[in-house]
Amino acid sequence: MRCRVAAWVLFACAPLAAAGERPQATPSPAAEQAKLDKLRAHEKNEGTRVEQLRKQVDSLESNSQATSREIEERDRKIAELRRQLEASQGK
């Protein structure tokens, strides 16, 4: 009985489902070419932006490394000055 009801529901709903679908108009070749050109231009712009971001990241990494070296050198100088101060106070 359930199978019959399920089959009837499927057959009854099939025309409704088909009515909801709209046939898609085929775009003209010129429209397709324009869309393709637009996508290629977007891709080119994105590629340029990616390269700019890579350069920016490289620059930031380089600055970070230079700053780290400067901080390490400063810390070494501070440690040396503390040793000298402790040595002079210890006398």
N, C-alpha and C. Protein backbone atom coordinates (compact mmCIF):
# COMPACT_ATOMS: atom_id res chain seq x y z
N MET A 1 0.82 -1.19 0.00
CA MET A 1 0.00 0.00 0.00
C MET A 1 0.87 1.26 0.00
N ARG A 2 1.91 1.26 0.82
CA ARG A 2 2.78 2.43 0.89
C ARG A 2 3.47 2.68 -0.44
N CYS A 3 3.84 1.60 -1.11
CA CYS A 3 4.51 1.74 -2.41
C CYS A 3 3.57 2.40 -3.41
N ARG A 4 2.31 2.01 -3.38
CA ARG A 4 1.35 2.59 -4.31
C ARG A 4 1.17 4.08 -4.04
N VAL A 5 1.10 4.43 -2.77
CA VAL A 5 0.94 5.85 -2.40
C VAL A 5 2.17 6.63 -2.83
N ALA A 6 3.35 6.07 -2.57
CA ALA A 6 4.58 6.76 -2.95
C ALA A 6 4.67 6.93 -4.46
N ALA A 7 4.29 5.89 -5.21
CA ALA A 7 4.32 5.97 -6.67
C ALA A 7 3.34 7.02 -7.16
N TRP A 8 2.14 7.04 -6.57
CA TRP A 8 1.15 8.02 -6.97
C TRP A 8 1.64 9.45 -6.70
N VAL A 9 2.28 9.67 -5.54
CA VAL A 9 2.80 11.00 -5.19
C VAL A 9 3.87 11.41 -6.18
N LEU A 10 4.75 10.48 -6.55
CA LEU A 10 5.80 10.80 -7.51
C LEU A 10 5.21 11.19 -8.86
N PHE A 11 4.25 10.42 -9.34
CA PHE A 11 3.64 10.73 -10.64
C PHE A 11 2.83 12.02 -10.59
N ALA A 12 2.20 12.27 -9.46
CA ALA A 12 1.38 13.48 -9.34
C ALA A 12 2.26 14.73 -9.26
N CYS A 13 3.42 14.61 -8.66
CA CYS A 13 4.30 15.77 -8.48
C CYS A 13 5.20 16.02 -9.68
N ALA A 14 5.37 15.06 -10.54
CA ALA A 14 6.28 15.21 -11.68
C ALA A 14 5.92 16.39 -12.57
N PRO A 15 4.65 16.59 -12.95
CA PRO A 15 4.33 17.76 -13.78
C PRO A 15 4.60 19.07 -13.06
N LEU A 16 4.39 19.09 -11.76
CA LEU A 16 4.65 20.32 -11.00
C LEU A 16 6.13 20.65 -10.98
N ALA A 17 6.96 19.64 -10.83
CA ALA A 17 8.40 19.86 -10.81
C ALA A 17 8.88 20.33 -12.18
N ALA A 18 8.35 19.74 -13.22
CA ALA A 18 8.75 20.13 -14.58
C ALA A 18 8.28 21.54 -14.89
N ALA A 19 7.13 21.94 -14.36
CA ALA A 19 6.61 23.28 -14.62
C ALA A 19 7.48 24.34 -13.96
N GLY A 20 8.12 24.00 -12.86
CA GLY A 20 8.97 24.95 -12.16
C GLY A 20 10.28 25.23 -12.86
N GLU A 21 10.69 24.35 -13.74
CA GLU A 21 11.94 24.55 -14.46
C GLU A 21 11.70 25.45 -15.65
N ARG A 22 12.59 26.40 -15.82
CA ARG A 22 12.48 27.29 -16.97
C ARG A 22 13.59 26.95 -17.94
N PRO A 23 13.27 26.88 -19.18
CA PRO A 23 14.34 26.62 -20.14
C PRO A 23 15.28 27.83 -20.19
N GLN A 24 16.56 27.54 -20.21
CA GLN A 24 17.53 28.62 -20.22
C GLN A 24 17.83 29.01 -21.65
N ALA A 25 17.82 30.30 -21.87
CA ALA A 25 18.14 30.80 -23.20
C ALA A 25 19.64 30.64 -23.42
N THR A 26 19.98 30.23 -24.59
CA THR A 26 21.40 30.09 -24.90
C THR A 26 21.97 31.46 -25.19
N PRO A 27 23.03 31.82 -24.47
CA PRO A 27 23.61 33.14 -24.67
C PRO A 27 24.29 33.22 -26.04
N SER A 28 24.34 34.41 -26.55
CA SER A 28 24.96 34.61 -27.86
C SER A 28 26.47 34.45 -27.74
N PRO A 29 27.13 34.10 -28.83
CA PRO A 29 28.59 33.98 -28.79
C PRO A 29 29.27 35.28 -28.37
N ALA A 30 28.70 36.41 -28.76
CA ALA A 30 29.29 37.70 -28.37
C ALA A 30 29.20 37.90 -26.86
N ALA A 31 28.06 37.51 -26.29
CA ALA A 31 27.90 37.63 -24.84
C ALA A 31 28.85 36.71 -24.11
N GLU A 32 29.00 35.50 -24.63
CA GLU A 32 29.94 34.55 -24.03
C GLU A 32 31.37 35.07 -24.11
N GLN A 33 31.73 35.67 -25.25
CA GLN A 33 33.08 36.21 -25.42
C GLN A 33 33.31 37.38 -24.47
N ALA A 34 32.30 38.23 -24.31
CA ALA A 34 32.41 39.36 -23.39
C ALA A 34 32.59 38.87 -21.96
N LYS A 35 31.84 37.84 -21.61
CA LYS A 35 31.95 37.26 -20.26
C LYS A 35 33.34 36.66 -20.06
N LEU A 36 33.84 35.98 -21.08
CA LEU A 36 35.17 35.38 -21.01
C LEU A 36 36.24 36.45 -20.89
N ASP A 37 36.11 37.53 -21.67
CA ASP A 37 37.07 38.63 -21.59
C ASP A 37 37.06 39.28 -20.21
N LYS A 38 35.87 39.43 -19.66
CA LYS A 38 35.74 40.01 -18.32
C LYS A 38 36.41 39.12 -17.28
N LEU A 39 36.20 37.82 -17.39
CA LEU A 39 36.83 36.88 -16.45
C LEU A 39 38.34 36.88 -16.59
N ARG A 40 38.84 36.97 -17.82
CA ARG A 40 40.29 37.02 -18.03
C ARG A 40 40.88 38.30 -17.45
N ALA A 41 40.19 39.41 -17.63
CA ALA A 41 40.67 40.67 -17.06
C ALA A 41 40.69 40.59 -15.54
N HIS A 42 39.64 39.99 -14.97
CA HIS A 42 39.59 39.82 -13.51
C HIS A 42 40.73 38.93 -13.03
N GLU A 43 40.99 37.86 -13.77
CA GLU A 43 42.08 36.95 -13.42
C GLU A 43 43.42 37.69 -13.47
N LYS A 44 43.61 38.50 -14.49
CA LYS A 44 44.85 39.27 -14.62
C LYS A 44 45.01 40.24 -13.45
N ASN A 45 43.92 40.93 -13.11
CA ASN A 45 43.96 41.86 -11.98
C ASN A 45 44.27 41.13 -10.67
N GLU A 46 43.66 39.98 -10.49
CA GLU A 46 43.92 39.20 -9.28
C GLU A 46 45.37 38.72 -9.24
N GLY A 47 45.90 38.32 -10.39
CA GLY A 47 47.29 37.89 -10.46
C GLY A 47 48.23 39.02 -10.09
N THR A 48 47.94 40.22 -10.59
CA THR A 48 48.74 41.39 -10.26
C THR A 48 48.66 41.68 -8.77
N ARG A 49 47.47 41.59 -8.21
CA ARG A 49 47.28 41.84 -6.77
C ARG A 49 48.04 40.81 -5.94
N VAL A 50 48.02 39.56 -6.37
CA VAL A 50 48.75 38.51 -5.66
C VAL A 50 50.25 38.81 -5.66
N GLU A 51 50.77 39.22 -6.80
CA GLU A 51 52.20 39.55 -6.89
C GLU A 51 52.54 40.72 -5.98
N GLN A 52 51.67 41.73 -5.94
CA GLN A 52 51.91 42.87 -5.05
C GLN A 52 51.91 42.42 -3.59
N LEU A 53 50.98 41.55 -3.24
CA LEU A 53 50.93 41.06 -1.87
C LEU A 53 52.15 40.22 -1.53
N ARG A 54 52.63 39.42 -2.48
CA ARG A 54 53.83 38.63 -2.24
C ARG A 54 55.03 39.53 -1.98
N LYS A 55 55.15 40.59 -2.79
CA LYS A 55 56.25 41.53 -2.58
C LYS A 55 56.14 42.20 -1.22
N GLN A 56 54.93 42.55 -0.85
CA GLN A 56 54.71 43.19 0.44
C GLN A 56 55.08 42.23 1.58
N VAL A 57 54.69 40.98 1.46
CA VAL A 57 55.02 39.98 2.48
C VAL A 57 56.53 39.80 2.57
N ASP A 58 57.20 39.70 1.41
CA ASP A 58 58.65 39.56 1.40
C ASP A 58 59.31 40.75 2.09
N SER A 59 58.82 41.94 1.81
CA SER A 59 59.37 43.15 2.43
C SER A 59 59.17 43.13 3.94
N LEU A 60 57.96 42.75 4.36
CA LEU A 60 57.68 42.69 5.80
C LEU A 60 58.54 41.64 6.49
N GLU A 61 58.73 40.49 5.85
CA GLU A 61 59.58 39.46 6.43
C GLU A 61 61.01 39.94 6.54
N SER A 62 61.49 40.62 5.52
CA SER A 62 62.85 41.15 5.54
C SER A 62 63.00 42.18 6.67
N ASN A 63 62.02 43.07 6.78
CA ASN A 63 62.06 44.06 7.86
C ASN A 63 62.01 43.40 9.22
N SER A 64 61.21 42.36 9.34
CA SER A 64 61.10 41.64 10.60
C SER A 64 62.42 40.99 10.99
N GLN A 65 63.08 40.39 10.01
CA GLN A 65 64.38 39.76 10.28
C GLN A 65 65.41 40.80 10.68
N ALA A 66 65.42 41.93 9.99
CA ALA A 66 66.37 43.00 10.32
C ALA A 66 66.10 43.53 11.71
N THR A 67 64.83 43.72 12.04
CA THR A 67 64.47 44.21 13.37
C THR A 67 64.86 43.20 14.44
N SER A 68 64.67 41.92 14.17
CA SER A 68 65.06 40.88 15.14
C SER A 68 66.56 40.93 15.39
N ARG A 69 67.34 41.09 14.32
CA ARG A 69 68.80 41.18 14.50
C ARG A 69 69.17 42.42 15.31
N GLU A 70 68.52 43.54 15.05
CA GLU A 70 68.79 44.76 15.81
C GLU A 70 68.45 44.58 17.28
N ILE A 71 67.33 43.93 17.56
CA ILE A 71 66.93 43.68 18.96
C ILE A 71 67.93 42.76 19.64
N GLU A 72 68.37 41.72 18.95
CA GLU A 72 69.37 40.81 19.54
C GLU A 72 70.66 41.56 19.84
N GLU A 73 71.09 42.42 18.93
CA GLU A 73 72.31 43.20 19.15
C GLU A 73 72.12 44.15 20.33
N ARG A 74 70.98 44.79 20.41
CA ARG A 74 70.70 45.68 21.54
C ARG A 74 70.71 44.91 22.85
N ASP A 75 70.10 43.72 22.86
CA ASP A 75 70.08 42.91 24.07
C ASP A 75 71.49 42.50 24.48
N ARG A 76 72.34 42.19 23.50
CA ARG A 76 73.74 41.85 23.82
C ARG A 76 74.46 43.04 24.44
N LYS A 77 74.23 44.23 23.89
CA LYS A 77 74.86 45.43 24.44
C LYS A 77 74.38 45.70 25.86
N ILE A 78 73.07 45.54 26.08
CA ILE A 78 72.52 45.74 27.42
C ILE A 78 73.14 44.75 28.39
N ALA A 79 73.24 43.50 28.00
CA ALA A 79 73.83 42.48 28.87
C ALA A 79 75.29 42.82 29.17
N GLU A 80 76.03 43.28 28.17
CA GLU A 80 77.43 43.65 28.39
C GLU A 80 77.53 44.85 29.32
N LEU A 81 76.69 45.83 29.15
CA LEU A 81 76.70 47.00 30.03
C LEU A 81 76.34 46.61 31.46
N ARG A 82 75.40 45.69 31.63
CA ARG A 82 75.05 45.22 32.98
C ARG A 82 76.23 44.51 33.64
N ARG A 83 76.92 43.68 32.84
CA ARG A 83 78.10 42.99 33.39
C ARG A 83 79.16 44.01 33.82
N GLN A 84 79.35 45.02 32.98
CA GLN A 84 80.34 46.05 33.32
C GLN A 84 79.91 46.81 34.57
N LEU A 85 78.62 47.13 34.69
CA LEU A 85 78.11 47.84 35.87
C LEU A 85 78.28 46.99 37.12
N GLU A 86 77.93 45.71 37.02
CA GLU A 86 78.08 44.82 38.18
C GLU A 86 79.54 44.68 38.56
N ALA A 87 80.41 44.63 37.57
CA ALA A 87 81.84 44.50 37.86
C ALA A 87 82.36 45.77 38.53
N SER A 88 81.89 46.94 38.08
CA SER A 88 82.38 48.19 38.68
C SER A 88 81.81 48.38 40.08
N GLN A 89 80.60 47.92 40.34
CA GLN A 89 80.00 48.04 41.67
C GLN A 89 80.59 47.01 42.63
N GLY A 90 81.04 45.93 42.09
CA GLY A 90 81.61 44.87 42.92
C GLY A 90 82.99 45.22 43.45
N LYS A 91 83.68 46.16 42.86
CA LYS A 91 85.04 46.52 43.29
C LYS A 91 85.04 47.32 44.55
